[in-house]
Amino acid sequence: MEVGDICNRNMVTTAAHASLVEAAQLMRKDHVGLLVVAEPAADGHDSRVVGVLTDRDIVTAVVAKEADPATLTVGDVMARNPVMANELHSLGHALRLMRESGVRRVPVLGNRDQLVGVLSVDDVLEALAVELGDVSRAIRSGQRLERHSRP
């Protein structure tokens, strides 16, 4: 299974110069815990990832330090140079990257290093649940066929 098969292609992006309050409001509106911070690529057609901002970043870097969010931009708080996966990576490879860097979500890039989606642990669990369901159905089907062929 490849990352591109299961990643969420409806990711939410923001710019580094956006206000942190606007970013938090965007997270709330779209029910996401991660914003991909992107800027237009040199070709003007694709987006280039420059960072990520998570709800946890806001809590640990702003709220816990009693900083004034109204004075901060996304670029002040975002994680720069985030771990990213390619849509052609195997799921196992992406999971190793996520485990080694301690993250639950990664931006997914296409063949021109353009942003194409986000892979989350939730996406992985959902895909694995489908696969496990197929395994379970295969076992039940095999048992049913065996009962009918061997009375």
C-alpha atoms as a PDB file:
ATOM      1  CA  MET A   1       0.000   0.000   0.000  1.00  0.00           C
ATOM      2  CA  GLU A   2       1.377   3.405  -0.968  1.00  0.00           C
ATOM      3  CA  VAL A   3       0.987   6.655   0.965  1.00  0.00           C
ATOM      4  CA  GLY A   4      -0.839   8.254  -1.959  1.00  0.00           C
ATOM      5  CA  ASP A   5      -3.527   5.589  -1.738  1.00  0.00           C
ATOM      6  CA  ILE A   6      -4.630   6.584   1.755  1.00  0.00           C
ATOM      7  CA  CYS A   7      -3.524  10.154   2.445  1.00  0.00           C
ATOM      8  CA  ASN A   8      -6.125  12.891   2.814  1.00  0.00           C
ATOM      9  CA  ARG A   9      -5.994  15.056  -0.291  1.00  0.00           C
ATOM     10  CA  ASN A  10      -8.248  17.716   1.250  1.00  0.00           C
ATOM     11  CA  MET A  11      -5.578  19.244   3.446  1.00  0.00           C
ATOM     12  CA  VAL A  12      -5.815  22.697   4.965  1.00  0.00           C
ATOM     13  CA  THR A  13      -3.022  25.170   4.264  1.00  0.00           C
ATOM     14  CA  THR A  14      -2.000  28.574   5.511  1.00  0.00           C
ATOM     15  CA  ALA A  15       0.830  31.044   4.936  1.00  0.00           C
ATOM     16  CA  ALA A  16       3.709  31.769   7.294  1.00  0.00           C
ATOM     17  CA  HIS A  17       2.699  35.445   7.435  1.00  0.00           C
ATOM     18  CA  ALA A  18      -0.885  34.639   8.564  1.00  0.00           C
ATOM     19  CA  SER A  19      -1.815  35.603  12.097  1.00  0.00           C
ATOM     20  CA  LEU A  20      -1.700  32.828  14.654  1.00  0.00           C
ATOM     21  CA  VAL A  21      -5.247  33.642  15.779  1.00  0.00           C
ATOM     22  CA  GLU A  22      -6.494  33.263  12.184  1.00  0.00           C
ATOM     23  CA  ALA A  23      -4.681  29.928  11.943  1.00  0.00           C
ATOM     24  CA  ALA A  24      -6.292  28.668  15.156  1.00  0.00           C
ATOM     25  CA  GLN A  25      -9.687  29.771  13.891  1.00  0.00           C
ATOM     26  CA  LEU A  26      -9.047  27.935  10.612  1.00  0.00           C
ATOM     27  CA  MET A  27      -8.183  24.773  12.554  1.00  0.00           C
ATOM     28  CA  ARG A  28     -11.414  25.075  14.506  1.00  0.00           C
ATOM     29  CA  LYS A  29     -13.537  25.782  11.412  1.00  0.00           C
ATOM     30  CA  ASP A  30     -12.095  22.856   9.445  1.00  0.00           C
ATOM     31  CA  HIS A  31     -11.778  20.477  12.445  1.00  0.00           C
ATOM     32  CA  VAL A  32      -8.087  19.780  11.896  1.00  0.00           C
ATOM     33  CA  GLY A  33      -5.120  19.592  14.222  1.00  0.00           C
ATOM     34  CA  LEU A  34      -2.498  20.419  11.588  1.00  0.00           C
ATOM     35  CA  LEU A  35      -2.114  23.168   9.039  1.00  0.00           C
ATOM     36  CA  VAL A  36       0.420  22.795   6.267  1.00  0.00           C
ATOM     37  CA  VAL A  37       2.305  26.052   5.876  1.00  0.00           C
ATOM     38  CA  ALA A  38       2.901  26.534   2.170  1.00  0.00           C
ATOM     39  CA  GLU A  39       4.006  29.137  -0.305  1.00  0.00           C
ATOM     40  CA  PRO A  40       3.727  29.165  -4.074  1.00  0.00           C
ATOM     41  CA  ALA A  41       6.462  27.214  -5.814  1.00  0.00           C
ATOM     42  CA  ALA A  42       8.751  28.903  -8.305  1.00  0.00           C
ATOM     43  CA  ASP A  43       6.622  27.622 -11.189  1.00  0.00           C
ATOM     44  CA  GLY A  44       3.594  29.378  -9.685  1.00  0.00           C
ATOM     45  CA  HIS A  45       1.383  26.323 -10.077  1.00  0.00           C
ATOM     46  CA  ASP A  46       2.210  24.160  -7.082  1.00  0.00           C
ATOM     47  CA  SER A  47       2.623  24.783  -3.378  1.00  0.00           C
ATOM     48  CA  ARG A  48       5.938  24.283  -1.617  1.00  0.00           C
ATOM     49  CA  VAL A  49       5.817  23.192   2.021  1.00  0.00           C
ATOM     50  CA  VAL A  50       7.781  25.471   4.363  1.00  0.00           C
ATOM     51  CA  GLY A  51       6.462  24.161   7.674  1.00  0.00           C
ATOM     52  CA  VAL A  52       3.594  22.740   9.670  1.00  0.00           C
ATOM     53  CA  LEU A  53       1.578  24.141  12.542  1.00  0.00           C
ATOM     54  CA  THR A  54      -0.209  21.856  14.978  1.00  0.00           C
ATOM     55  CA  ASP A  55      -2.674  22.547  17.732  1.00  0.00           C
ATOM     56  CA  ARG A  56       0.004  21.215  20.100  1.00  0.00           C
ATOM     57  CA  ASP A  57       2.485  23.822  18.796  1.00  0.00           C
ATOM     58  CA  ILE A  58       0.034  26.541  19.754  1.00  0.00           C
ATOM     59  CA  VAL A  59      -0.508  25.097  23.221  1.00  0.00           C
ATOM     60  CA  THR A  60       3.158  24.493  24.049  1.00  0.00           C
ATOM     61  CA  ALA A  61       4.702  27.568  22.398  1.00  0.00           C
ATOM     62  CA  VAL A  62       1.999  30.126  23.104  1.00  0.00           C
ATOM     63  CA  VAL A  63      -0.554  29.196  25.743  1.00  0.00           C
ATOM     64  CA  ALA A  64       1.868  27.432  28.115  1.00  0.00           C
ATOM     65  CA  LYS A  65       4.301  30.358  27.895  1.00  0.00           C
ATOM     66  CA  GLU A  66       1.494  32.898  28.311  1.00  0.00           C
ATOM     67  CA  ALA A  67       2.481  34.622  25.066  1.00  0.00           C
ATOM     68  CA  ASP A  68      -0.004  36.925  23.363  1.00  0.00           C
ATOM     69  CA  PRO A  69      -1.245  35.050  20.267  1.00  0.00           C
ATOM     70  CA  ALA A  70      -2.462  38.300  18.723  1.00  0.00           C
ATOM     71  CA  THR A  71       1.157  39.412  18.327  1.00  0.00           C
ATOM     72  CA  LEU A  72       2.370  36.238  16.617  1.00  0.00           C
ATOM     73  CA  THR A  73       2.292  34.861  13.095  1.00  0.00           C
ATOM     74  CA  VAL A  74       2.192  31.261  11.962  1.00  0.00           C
ATOM     75  CA  GLY A  75       5.871  31.598  11.021  1.00  0.00           C
ATOM     76  CA  ASP A  76       6.756  32.455  14.616  1.00  0.00           C
ATOM     77  CA  VAL A  77       5.405  29.156  15.923  1.00  0.00           C
ATOM     78  CA  MET A  78       5.433  26.617  13.060  1.00  0.00           C
ATOM     79  CA  ALA A  79       7.834  23.718  12.813  1.00  0.00           C
ATOM     80  CA  ARG A  80      10.199  24.381   9.936  1.00  0.00           C
ATOM     81  CA  ASN A  81      11.564  21.642   7.651  1.00  0.00           C
ATOM     82  CA  PRO A  82       8.927  19.079   8.643  1.00  0.00           C
ATOM     83  CA  VAL A  83       9.244  15.400   7.947  1.00  0.00           C
ATOM     84  CA  MET A  84       7.429  14.657   4.700  1.00  0.00           C
ATOM     85  CA  ALA A  85       6.465  11.549   2.778  1.00  0.00           C
ATOM     86  CA  ASN A  86       6.231  11.002  -0.944  1.00  0.00           C
ATOM     87  CA  GLU A  87       2.948   9.693  -2.307  1.00  0.00           C
ATOM     88  CA  LEU A  88       4.867   6.746  -3.810  1.00  0.00           C
ATOM     89  CA  HIS A  89       6.434   5.737  -0.466  1.00  0.00           C
ATOM     90  CA  SER A  90       5.230   2.517   1.034  1.00  0.00           C
ATOM     91  CA  LEU A  91       3.046   2.837   4.091  1.00  0.00           C
ATOM     92  CA  GLY A  92       5.759   1.074   6.104  1.00  0.00           C
ATOM     93  CA  HIS A  93       8.355   3.653   5.063  1.00  0.00           C
ATOM     94  CA  ALA A  94       6.064   6.543   6.015  1.00  0.00           C
ATOM     95  CA  LEU A  95       5.298   4.963   9.380  1.00  0.00           C
ATOM     96  CA  ARG A  96       9.023   4.584  10.099  1.00  0.00           C
ATOM     97  CA  LEU A  97       9.546   8.287   9.292  1.00  0.00           C
ATOM     98  CA  MET A  98       6.658   9.230  11.575  1.00  0.00           C
ATOM     99  CA  ARG A  99       7.900   6.980  14.398  1.00  0.00           C
ATOM    100  CA  GLU A 100      11.496   8.187  14.172  1.00  0.00           C
ATOM    101  CA  SER A 101      10.467  11.845  14.261  1.00  0.00           C
ATOM    102  CA  GLY A 102       7.658  11.419  16.799  1.00  0.00           C
ATOM    103  CA  VAL A 103       4.890  12.915  14.651  1.00  0.00           C
ATOM    104  CA  ARG A 104       1.357  11.728  13.938  1.00  0.00           C
ATOM    105  CA  ARG A 105       0.848  13.619  10.676  1.00  0.00           C
ATOM    106  CA  VAL A 106       3.070  14.339   7.683  1.00  0.00           C
ATOM    107  CA  PRO A 107       2.614  16.370   4.515  1.00  0.00           C
ATOM    108  CA  VAL A 108       2.631  14.219   1.386  1.00  0.00           C
ATOM    109  CA  LEU A 109       4.460  15.345  -1.743  1.00  0.00           C
ATOM    110  CA  GLY A 110       3.959  14.405  -5.377  1.00  0.00           C
ATOM    111  CA  ASN A 111       6.519  13.701  -8.084  1.00  0.00           C
ATOM    112  CA  ARG A 112       7.431  17.412  -8.469  1.00  0.00           C
ATOM    113  CA  ASP A 113       7.732  17.880  -4.669  1.00  0.00           C
ATOM    114  CA  GLN A 114       4.344  19.612  -4.741  1.00  0.00           C
ATOM    115  CA  LEU A 115       1.948  19.284  -1.811  1.00  0.00           C
ATOM    116  CA  VAL A 116      -0.701  16.666  -2.573  1.00  0.00           C
ATOM    117  CA  GLY A 117      -2.038  15.672   0.844  1.00  0.00           C
ATOM    118  CA  VAL A 118      -1.500  14.859   4.487  1.00  0.00           C
ATOM    119  CA  LEU A 119      -1.057  11.401   5.996  1.00  0.00           C
ATOM    120  CA  SER A 120      -2.221  10.959   9.580  1.00  0.00           C
ATOM    121  CA  VAL A 121      -2.159   8.042  11.970  1.00  0.00           C
ATOM    122  CA  ASP A 122      -5.967   8.124  11.735  1.00  0.00           C
ATOM    123  CA  ASP A 123      -5.726   7.557   7.962  1.00  0.00           C
ATOM    124  CA  VAL A 124      -3.413   4.605   8.568  1.00  0.00           C
ATOM    125  CA  LEU A 125      -5.705   3.057  11.189  1.00  0.00           C
ATOM    126  CA  GLU A 126      -8.708   3.404   8.896  1.00  0.00           C
ATOM    127  CA  ALA A 127      -6.860   1.736   6.002  1.00  0.00           C
ATOM    128  CA  LEU A 128      -5.597  -1.075   8.237  1.00  0.00           C
ATOM    129  CA  ALA A 129      -9.100  -1.652   9.604  1.00  0.00           C
ATOM    130  CA  VAL A 130     -10.336  -2.186   6.042  1.00  0.00           C
ATOM    131  CA  GLU A 131      -7.469  -4.599   5.357  1.00  0.00           C
ATOM    132  CA  LEU A 132      -8.133  -6.518   8.587  1.00  0.00           C
ATOM    133  CA  GLY A 133     -11.804  -6.721   7.669  1.00  0.00           C
ATOM    134  CA  ASP A 134     -10.806  -8.287   4.346  1.00  0.00           C
ATOM    135  CA  VAL A 135      -8.629 -10.826   6.185  1.00  0.00           C
ATOM    136  CA  SER A 136     -11.489 -11.687   8.518  1.00  0.00           C
ATOM    137  CA  ARG A 137     -13.924 -12.112   5.618  1.00  0.00           C
ATOM    138  CA  ALA A 138     -11.413 -14.323   3.788  1.00  0.00           C
ATOM    139  CA  ILE A 139     -11.140 -16.591   6.832  1.00  0.00           C
ATOM    140  CA  ARG A 140     -14.926 -16.821   7.224  1.00  0.00           C
ATOM    141  CA  SER A 141     -15.346 -17.487   3.511  1.00  0.00           C
ATOM    142  CA  GLY A 142     -12.739 -20.252   3.619  1.00  0.00           C
ATOM    143  CA  GLN A 143     -14.449 -21.873   6.603  1.00  0.00           C
ATOM    144  CA  ARG A 144     -17.853 -21.658   4.909  1.00  0.00           C
ATOM    145  CA  LEU A 145     -16.522 -23.204   1.672  1.00  0.00           C
ATOM    146  CA  GLU A 146     -14.828 -25.979   3.630  1.00  0.00           C
ATOM    147  CA  ARG A 147     -18.071 -26.809   5.489  1.00  0.00           C
ATOM    148  CA  HIS A 148     -19.960 -27.053   2.189  1.00  0.00           C
ATOM    149  CA  SER A 149     -17.324 -29.141   0.405  1.00  0.00           C
ATOM    150  CA  ARG A 150     -16.740 -31.586   3.313  1.00  0.00           C
ATOM    151  CA  PRO A 151     -20.051 -32.594   4.832  1.00  0.00           C
END
